[in-house]
Amino acid sequence: MTYKIFVANSKTEKILRKYIQQNSKIKNRLDKLRINPYKEIGAHSLHGKLKGKWACWLGSNIRAIYIINEKTKSIIAEAIGTHKIY
């Protein structure tokens, strides 16, 4: 079963749309993330103040921080950008 991807807020949605327009491969990577948000595209759990969240690589220097909700099979993207998002 695949997961659905949601964005946490309008700012993150705007940033994601901009990156997708700049790099068409990002959409393909998001499709892979829907299949397995725990292992695809360099997914890894975070620690410290971001404990309980996950991060992955979307392309070049673009990262995504997200939460996985197993109950609803959804991925909520909280931040997208360079390493500065950490």
PDB file of N, CA and C in Angstrom:
ATOM      1  N   MET A   1       0.846  -1.187   0.000  1.00  0.00           N
ATOM      2  CA  MET A   1       0.000   0.000   0.000  1.00  0.00           C
ATOM      3  C   MET A   1       0.888   1.246   0.000  1.00  0.00           C
ATOM      4  N   THR A   2       0.548   2.200  -0.812  1.00  0.00           N
ATOM      5  CA  THR A   2       1.335   3.421  -0.876  1.00  0.00           C
ATOM      6  C   THR A   2       0.802   4.455   0.110  1.00  0.00           C
ATOM      7  N   TYR A   3       1.675   5.350   0.464  1.00  0.00           N
ATOM      8  CA  TYR A   3       1.344   6.431   1.382  1.00  0.00           C
ATOM      9  C   TYR A   3       0.922   7.663   0.590  1.00  0.00           C
ATOM     10  N   LYS A   4       0.160   8.525   1.214  1.00  0.00           N
ATOM     11  CA  LYS A   4      -0.196   9.814   0.618  1.00  0.00           C
ATOM     12  C   LYS A   4       0.717  10.868   1.225  1.00  0.00           C
ATOM     13  N   ILE A   5       1.100  11.838   0.412  1.00  0.00           N
ATOM     14  CA  ILE A   5       1.968  12.913   0.893  1.00  0.00           C
ATOM     15  C   ILE A   5       1.155  14.194   1.038  1.00  0.00           C
ATOM     16  N   PHE A   6       1.296  14.811   2.202  1.00  0.00           N
ATOM     17  CA  PHE A   6       0.669  16.095   2.496  1.00  0.00           C
ATOM     18  C   PHE A   6       1.761  17.061   2.930  1.00  0.00           C
ATOM     19  N   VAL A   7       1.492  18.337   2.823  1.00  0.00           N
ATOM     20  CA  VAL A   7       2.443  19.337   3.338  1.00  0.00           C
ATOM     21  C   VAL A   7       1.836  19.982   4.575  1.00  0.00           C
ATOM     22  N   ALA A   8       2.697  20.326   5.509  1.00  0.00           N
ATOM     23  CA  ALA A   8       2.246  20.837   6.799  1.00  0.00           C
ATOM     24  C   ALA A   8       1.674  22.249   6.721  1.00  0.00           C
ATOM     25  N   ASN A   9       2.166  23.042   5.761  1.00  0.00           N
ATOM     26  CA  ASN A   9       1.701  24.436   5.681  1.00  0.00           C
ATOM     27  C   ASN A   9       1.908  24.982   4.270  1.00  0.00           C
ATOM     28  N   SER A  10       1.349  26.148   4.020  1.00  0.00           N
ATOM     29  CA  SER A  10       1.412  26.736   2.673  1.00  0.00           C
ATOM     30  C   SER A  10       2.830  27.144   2.280  1.00  0.00           C
ATOM     31  N   LYS A  11       3.649  27.524   3.244  1.00  0.00           N
ATOM     32  CA  LYS A  11       5.037  27.894   2.938  1.00  0.00           C
ATOM     33  C   LYS A  11       5.799  26.686   2.384  1.00  0.00           C
ATOM     34  N   THR A  12       5.643  25.540   3.039  1.00  0.00           N
ATOM     35  CA  THR A  12       6.310  24.322   2.579  1.00  0.00           C
ATOM     36  C   THR A  12       5.782  23.905   1.210  1.00  0.00           C
ATOM     37  N   GLU A  13       4.492  24.048   0.993  1.00  0.00           N
ATOM     38  CA  GLU A  13       3.903  23.703  -0.303  1.00  0.00           C
ATOM     39  C   GLU A  13       4.478  24.587  -1.411  1.00  0.00           C
ATOM     40  N   LYS A  14       4.616  25.864  -1.153  1.00  0.00           N
ATOM     41  CA  LYS A  14       5.166  26.799  -2.141  1.00  0.00           C
ATOM     42  C   LYS A  14       6.615  26.435  -2.476  1.00  0.00           C
ATOM     43  N   ILE A  15       7.394  26.108  -1.454  1.00  0.00           N
ATOM     44  CA  ILE A  15       8.797  25.731  -1.663  1.00  0.00           C
ATOM     45  C   ILE A  15       8.874  24.444  -2.483  1.00  0.00           C
ATOM     46  N   LEU A  16       8.042  23.468  -2.142  1.00  0.00           N
ATOM     47  CA  LEU A  16       8.052  22.194  -2.869  1.00  0.00           C
ATOM     48  C   LEU A  16       7.689  22.401  -4.336  1.00  0.00           C
ATOM     49  N   ARG A  17       6.675  23.189  -4.607  1.00  0.00           N
ATOM     50  CA  ARG A  17       6.295  23.458  -6.005  1.00  0.00           C
ATOM     51  C   ARG A  17       7.442  24.104  -6.784  1.00  0.00           C
ATOM     52  N   LYS A  18       8.144  25.032  -6.129  1.00  0.00           N
ATOM     53  CA  LYS A  18       9.272  25.701  -6.783  1.00  0.00           C
ATOM     54  C   LYS A  18      10.359  24.690  -7.140  1.00  0.00           C
ATOM     55  N   TYR A  19      10.689  23.810  -6.206  1.00  0.00           N
ATOM     56  CA  TYR A  19      11.730  22.817  -6.469  1.00  0.00           C
ATOM     57  C   TYR A  19      11.305  21.825  -7.550  1.00  0.00           C
ATOM     58  N   ILE A  20      10.040  21.442  -7.575  1.00  0.00           N
ATOM     59  CA  ILE A  20       9.563  20.516  -8.609  1.00  0.00           C
ATOM     60  C   ILE A  20       9.667  21.161  -9.990  1.00  0.00           C
ATOM     61  N   GLN A  21       9.372  22.463 -10.086  1.00  0.00           N
ATOM     62  CA  GLN A  21       9.503  23.170 -11.366  1.00  0.00           C
ATOM     63  C   GLN A  21      10.963  23.238 -11.807  1.00  0.00           C
ATOM     64  N   GLN A  22      11.871  23.372 -10.861  1.00  0.00           N
ATOM     65  CA  GLN A  22      13.293  23.478 -11.188  1.00  0.00           C
ATOM     66  C   GLN A  22      13.922  22.132 -11.526  1.00  0.00           C
ATOM     67  N   ASN A  23      13.387  21.051 -10.943  1.00  0.00           N
ATOM     68  CA  ASN A  23      13.996  19.739 -11.127  1.00  0.00           C
ATOM     69  C   ASN A  23      12.893  18.681 -11.219  1.00  0.00           C
ATOM     70  N   SER A  24      12.645  18.191 -12.404  1.00  0.00           N
ATOM     71  CA  SER A  24      11.557  17.230 -12.623  1.00  0.00           C
ATOM     72  C   SER A  24      11.799  15.897 -11.918  1.00  0.00           C
ATOM     73  N   LYS A  25      13.034  15.582 -11.576  1.00  0.00           N
ATOM     74  CA  LYS A  25      13.339  14.324 -10.899  1.00  0.00           C
ATOM     75  C   LYS A  25      12.769  14.287  -9.482  1.00  0.00           C
ATOM     76  N   ILE A  26      12.504  15.439  -8.906  1.00  0.00           N
ATOM     77  CA  ILE A  26      11.974  15.480  -7.541  1.00  0.00           C
ATOM     78  C   ILE A  26      10.617  14.788  -7.472  1.00  0.00           C
ATOM     79  N   LYS A  27       9.794  14.967  -8.476  1.00  0.00           N
ATOM     80  CA  LYS A  27       8.487  14.312  -8.488  1.00  0.00           C
ATOM     81  C   LYS A  27       8.655  12.794  -8.482  1.00  0.00           C
ATOM     82  N   ASN A  28       9.597  12.277  -9.243  1.00  0.00           N
ATOM     83  CA  ASN A  28       9.869  10.837  -9.263  1.00  0.00           C
ATOM     84  C   ASN A  28      10.354  10.355  -7.899  1.00  0.00           C
ATOM     85  N   ARG A  29      11.155  11.156  -7.243  1.00  0.00           N
ATOM     86  CA  ARG A  29      11.652  10.771  -5.918  1.00  0.00           C
ATOM     87  C   ARG A  29      10.526  10.763  -4.890  1.00  0.00           C
ATOM     88  N   LEU A  30       9.599  11.686  -5.007  1.00  0.00           N
ATOM     89  CA  LEU A  30       8.443  11.689  -4.111  1.00  0.00           C
ATOM     90  C   LEU A  30       7.577  10.450  -4.342  1.00  0.00           C
ATOM     91  N   ASP A  31       7.476  10.017  -5.590  1.00  0.00           N
ATOM     92  CA  ASP A  31       6.732   8.789  -5.891  1.00  0.00           C
ATOM     93  C   ASP A  31       7.390   7.585  -5.219  1.00  0.00           C
ATOM     94  N   LYS A  32       8.715   7.543  -5.218  1.00  0.00           N
ATOM     95  CA  LYS A  32       9.435   6.463  -4.539  1.00  0.00           C
ATOM     96  C   LYS A  32       9.210   6.531  -3.029  1.00  0.00           C
ATOM     97  N   LEU A  33       9.184   7.740  -2.498  1.00  0.00           N
ATOM     98  CA  LEU A  33       8.966   7.918  -1.066  1.00  0.00           C
ATOM     99  C   LEU A  33       7.590   7.395  -0.660  1.00  0.00           C
ATOM    100  N   ARG A  34       6.599   7.567  -1.519  1.00  0.00           N
ATOM    101  CA  ARG A  34       5.243   7.065  -1.236  1.00  0.00           C
ATOM    102  C   ARG A  34       5.229   5.551  -1.054  1.00  0.00           C
ATOM    103  N   ILE A  35       6.105   4.862  -1.758  1.00  0.00           N
ATOM    104  CA  ILE A  35       6.157   3.400  -1.699  1.00  0.00           C
ATOM    105  C   ILE A  35       6.731   2.931  -0.361  1.00  0.00           C
ATOM    106  N   ASN A  36       7.838   3.539   0.059  1.00  0.00           N
ATOM    107  CA  ASN A  36       8.456   3.149   1.329  1.00  0.00           C
ATOM    108  C   ASN A  36       9.151   4.360   1.955  1.00  0.00           C
ATOM    109  N   PRO A  37       8.460   5.083   2.831  1.00  0.00           N
ATOM    110  CA  PRO A  37       9.043   6.291   3.425  1.00  0.00           C
ATOM    111  C   PRO A  37      10.161   6.012   4.428  1.00  0.00           C
ATOM    112  N   TYR A  38      10.387   4.740   4.732  1.00  0.00           N
ATOM    113  CA  TYR A  38      11.433   4.379   5.694  1.00  0.00           C
ATOM    114  C   TYR A  38      12.775   4.073   5.042  1.00  0.00           C
ATOM    115  N   LYS A  39      12.774   3.725   3.755  1.00  0.00           N
ATOM    116  CA  LYS A  39      14.027   3.283   3.133  1.00  0.00           C
ATOM    117  C   LYS A  39      14.375   3.964   1.814  1.00  0.00           C
ATOM    118  N   GLU A  40      13.403   4.532   1.127  1.00  0.00           N
ATOM    119  CA  GLU A  40      13.681   5.104  -0.193  1.00  0.00           C
ATOM    120  C   GLU A  40      14.419   6.438  -0.102  1.00  0.00           C
ATOM    121  N   ILE A  41      15.100   6.768  -1.155  1.00  0.00           N
ATOM    122  CA  ILE A  41      15.827   8.031  -1.382  1.00  0.00           C
ATOM    123  C   ILE A  41      16.576   8.541  -0.153  1.00  0.00           C
ATOM    124  N   GLY A  42      17.288   7.629   0.486  1.00  0.00           N
ATOM    125  CA  GLY A  42      18.140   8.016   1.610  1.00  0.00           C
ATOM    126  C   GLY A  42      17.380   8.377   2.873  1.00  0.00           C
ATOM    127  N   ALA A  43      16.192   7.824   3.046  1.00  0.00           N
ATOM    128  CA  ALA A  43      15.390   8.146   4.232  1.00  0.00           C
ATOM    129  C   ALA A  43      16.105   7.687   5.499  1.00  0.00           C
ATOM    130  N   HIS A  44      16.033   8.520   6.513  1.00  0.00           N
ATOM    131  CA  HIS A  44      16.634   8.172   7.798  1.00  0.00           C
ATOM    132  C   HIS A  44      15.916   8.915   8.920  1.00  0.00           C
ATOM    133  N   SER A  45      15.874   8.278  10.074  1.00  0.00           N
ATOM    134  CA  SER A  45      15.229   8.916  11.220  1.00  0.00           C
ATOM    135  C   SER A  45      16.158   9.979  11.786  1.00  0.00           C
ATOM    136  N   LEU A  46      15.571  10.996  12.358  1.00  0.00           N
ATOM    137  CA  LEU A  46      16.347  12.091  12.935  1.00  0.00           C
ATOM    138  C   LEU A  46      16.404  11.927  14.457  1.00  0.00           C
ATOM    139  N   HIS A  47      17.312  12.653  15.079  1.00  0.00           N
ATOM    140  CA  HIS A  47      17.454  12.579  16.528  1.00  0.00           C
ATOM    141  C   HIS A  47      17.599  13.980  17.096  1.00  0.00           C
ATOM    142  N   GLY A  48      17.776  14.073  18.387  1.00  0.00           N
ATOM    143  CA  GLY A  48      17.871  15.380  19.024  1.00  0.00           C
ATOM    144  C   GLY A  48      16.526  16.071  19.035  1.00  0.00           C
ATOM    145  N   LYS A  49      16.527  17.353  18.726  1.00  0.00           N
ATOM    146  CA  LYS A  49      15.272  18.115  18.754  1.00  0.00           C
ATOM    147  C   LYS A  49      14.286  17.686  17.668  1.00  0.00           C
ATOM    148  N   LEU A  50      14.751  16.932  16.673  1.00  0.00           N
ATOM    149  CA  LEU A  50      13.884  16.441  15.596  1.00  0.00           C
ATOM    150  C   LEU A  50      13.543  14.957  15.748  1.00  0.00           C
ATOM    151  N   LYS A  51      13.766  14.408  16.924  1.00  0.00           N
ATOM    152  CA  LYS A  51      13.481  12.997  17.172  1.00  0.00           C
ATOM    153  C   LYS A  51      12.013  12.697  16.846  1.00  0.00           C
ATOM    154  N   GLY A  52      11.785  11.563  16.195  1.00  0.00           N
ATOM    155  CA  GLY A  52      10.441  11.172  15.789  1.00  0.00           C
ATOM    156  C   GLY A  52      10.107  11.587  14.366  1.00  0.00           C
ATOM    157  N   LYS A  53      10.983  12.371  13.767  1.00  0.00           N
ATOM    158  CA  LYS A  53      10.785  12.815  12.383  1.00  0.00           C
ATOM    159  C   LYS A  53      11.789  12.103  11.486  1.00  0.00           C
ATOM    160  N   TRP A  54      11.535  12.187  10.213  1.00  0.00           N
ATOM    161  CA  TRP A  54      12.378  11.543   9.215  1.00  0.00           C
ATOM    162  C   TRP A  54      12.875  12.582   8.222  1.00  0.00           C
ATOM    163  N   ALA A  55      13.955  12.249   7.535  1.00  0.00           N
ATOM    164  CA  ALA A  55      14.487  13.120   6.487  1.00  0.00           C
ATOM    165  C   ALA A  55      14.882  12.269   5.293  1.00  0.00           C
ATOM    166  N   CYS A  56      14.867  12.875   4.115  1.00  0.00           N
ATOM    167  CA  CYS A  56      15.307  12.186   2.906  1.00  0.00           C
ATOM    168  C   CYS A  56      15.906  13.200   1.943  1.00  0.00           C
ATOM    169  N   TRP A  57      16.530  12.665   0.920  1.00  0.00           N
ATOM    170  CA  TRP A  57      17.201  13.454  -0.105  1.00  0.00           C
ATOM    171  C   TRP A  57      16.284  13.533  -1.324  1.00  0.00           C
ATOM    172  N   LEU A  58      15.965  14.749  -1.764  1.00  0.00           N
ATOM    173  CA  LEU A  58      15.113  14.922  -2.948  1.00  0.00           C
ATOM    174  C   LEU A  58      15.903  15.245  -4.206  1.00  0.00           C
ATOM    175  N   GLY A  59      17.118  15.697  -4.060  1.00  0.00           N
ATOM    176  CA  GLY A  59      17.938  16.013  -5.221  1.00  0.00           C
ATOM    177  C   GLY A  59      18.999  17.018  -4.870  1.00  0.00           C
ATOM    178  N   SER A  60      20.122  16.930  -5.529  1.00  0.00           N
ATOM    179  CA  SER A  60      21.302  17.766  -5.282  1.00  0.00           C
ATOM    180  C   SER A  60      21.441  18.061  -3.796  1.00  0.00           C
ATOM    181  N   ASN A  61      21.108  19.258  -3.359  1.00  0.00           N
ATOM    182  CA  ASN A  61      21.243  19.584  -1.935  1.00  0.00           C
ATOM    183  C   ASN A  61      19.881  19.799  -1.270  1.00  0.00           C
ATOM    184  N   ILE A  62      18.828  19.264  -1.850  1.00  0.00           N
ATOM    185  CA  ILE A  62      17.469  19.472  -1.343  1.00  0.00           C
ATOM    186  C   ILE A  62      17.071  18.309  -0.432  1.00  0.00           C
ATOM    187  N   ARG A  63      16.618  18.643   0.761  1.00  0.00           N
ATOM    188  CA  ARG A  63      16.197  17.665   1.754  1.00  0.00           C
ATOM    189  C   ARG A  63      14.738  17.903   2.135  1.00  0.00           C
ATOM    190  N   ALA A  64      14.101  16.872   2.667  1.00  0.00           N
ATOM    191  CA  ALA A  64      12.748  16.996   3.199  1.00  0.00           C
ATOM    192  C   ALA A  64      12.728  16.421   4.610  1.00  0.00           C
ATOM    193  N   ILE A  65      12.041  17.100   5.504  1.00  0.00           N
ATOM    194  CA  ILE A  65      11.795  16.592   6.848  1.00  0.00           C
ATOM    195  C   ILE A  65      10.312  16.267   6.915  1.00  0.00           C
ATOM    196  N   TYR A  66      10.001  15.072   7.397  1.00  0.00           N
ATOM    197  CA  TYR A  66       8.603  14.651   7.397  1.00  0.00           C
ATOM    198  C   TYR A  66       8.288  13.740   8.575  1.00  0.00           C
ATOM    199  N   ILE A  67       6.986  13.599   8.817  1.00  0.00           N
ATOM    200  CA  ILE A  67       6.466  12.690   9.826  1.00  0.00           C
ATOM    201  C   ILE A  67       5.681  11.610   9.096  1.00  0.00           C
ATOM    202  N   ILE A  68       5.779  10.387   9.579  1.00  0.00           N
ATOM    203  CA  ILE A  68       5.044   9.274   8.986  1.00  0.00           C
ATOM    204  C   ILE A  68       3.910   8.892   9.941  1.00  0.00           C
ATOM    205  N   ASN A  69       2.694   8.855   9.418  1.00  0.00           N
ATOM    206  CA  ASN A  69       1.544   8.432  10.200  1.00  0.00           C
ATOM    207  C   ASN A  69       1.102   7.069   9.663  1.00  0.00           C
ATOM    208  N   GLU A  70       1.428   6.029  10.397  1.00  0.00           N
ATOM    209  CA  GLU A  70       1.102   4.668   9.959  1.00  0.00           C
ATOM    210  C   GLU A  70      -0.401   4.410   9.958  1.00  0.00           C
ATOM    211  N   LYS A  71      -1.106   5.007  10.900  1.00  0.00           N
ATOM    212  CA  LYS A  71      -2.548   4.777  11.020  1.00  0.00           C
ATOM    213  C   LYS A  71      -3.290   5.226   9.756  1.00  0.00           C
ATOM    214  N   THR A  72      -2.908   6.385   9.220  1.00  0.00           N
ATOM    215  CA  THR A  72      -3.569   6.917   8.021  1.00  0.00           C
ATOM    216  C   THR A  72      -2.757   6.693   6.747  1.00  0.00           C
ATOM    217  N   LYS A  73      -1.597   6.030   6.879  1.00  0.00           N
ATOM    218  CA  LYS A  73      -0.689   5.800   5.742  1.00  0.00           C
ATOM    219  C   LYS A  73      -0.380   7.121   5.030  1.00  0.00           C
ATOM    220  N   SER A  74       0.046   8.098   5.811  1.00  0.00           N
ATOM    221  CA  SER A  74       0.344   9.405   5.233  1.00  0.00           C
ATOM    222  C   SER A  74       1.719   9.896   5.656  1.00  0.00           C
ATOM    223  N   ILE A  75       2.265  10.747   4.820  1.00  0.00           N
ATOM    224  CA  ILE A  75       3.544  11.409   5.051  1.00  0.00           C
ATOM    225  C   ILE A  75       3.248  12.907   5.093  1.00  0.00           C
ATOM    226  N   ILE A  76       3.639  13.568   6.174  1.00  0.00           N
ATOM    227  CA  ILE A  76       3.408  15.004   6.293  1.00  0.00           C
ATOM    228  C   ILE A  76       4.757  15.712   6.199  1.00  0.00           C
ATOM    229  N   ALA A  77       4.976  16.395   5.085  1.00  0.00           N
ATOM    230  CA  ALA A  77       6.225  17.130   4.876  1.00  0.00           C
ATOM    231  C   ALA A  77       6.173  18.422   5.685  1.00  0.00           C
ATOM    232  N   GLU A  78       7.112  18.564   6.610  1.00  0.00           N
ATOM    233  CA  GLU A  78       7.137  19.748   7.471  1.00  0.00           C
ATOM    234  C   GLU A  78       8.087  20.824   6.963  1.00  0.00           C
ATOM    235  N   ALA A  79       9.154  20.417   6.301  1.00  0.00           N
ATOM    236  CA  ALA A  79      10.135  21.381   5.793  1.00  0.00           C
ATOM    237  C   ALA A  79      10.836  20.803   4.580  1.00  0.00           C
ATOM    238  N   ILE A  80      11.140  21.665   3.622  1.00  0.00           N
ATOM    239  CA  ILE A  80      11.860  21.262   2.411  1.00  0.00           C
ATOM    240  C   ILE A  80      12.859  22.367   2.098  1.00  0.00           C
ATOM    241  N   GLY A  81      14.094  21.958   1.837  1.00  0.00           N
ATOM    242  CA  GLY A  81      15.114  22.945   1.505  1.00  0.00           C
ATOM    243  C   GLY A  81      16.513  22.351   1.626  1.00  0.00           C
ATOM    244  N   THR A  82      17.491  23.214   1.755  1.00  0.00           N
ATOM    245  CA  THR A  82      18.874  22.774   1.913  1.00  0.00           C
ATOM    246  C   THR A  82      19.077  22.288   3.344  1.00  0.00           C
ATOM    247  N   HIS A  83      20.297  21.957   3.710  1.00  0.00           N
ATOM    248  CA  HIS A  83      20.581  21.495   5.075  1.00  0.00           C
ATOM    249  C   HIS A  83      20.218  22.521   6.142  1.00  0.00           C
ATOM    250  N   LYS A  84      19.949  23.740   5.748  1.00  0.00           N
ATOM    251  CA  LYS A  84      19.563  24.781   6.708  1.00  0.00           C
ATOM    252  C   LYS A  84      18.242  24.459   7.395  1.00  0.00           C
ATOM    253  N   ILE A  85      17.438  23.561   6.821  1.00  0.00           N
ATOM    254  CA  ILE A  85      16.147  23.229   7.427  1.00  0.00           C
ATOM    255  C   ILE A  85      16.302  22.463   8.727  1.00  0.00           C
ATOM    256  N   TYR A  86      17.489  21.875   8.955  1.00  0.00           N
ATOM    257  CA  TYR A  86      17.712  21.140  10.191  1.00  0.00           C
ATOM    258  C   TYR A  86      17.916  22.127  11.305  1.00  0.00           C
TER     259      TYR A  86
END
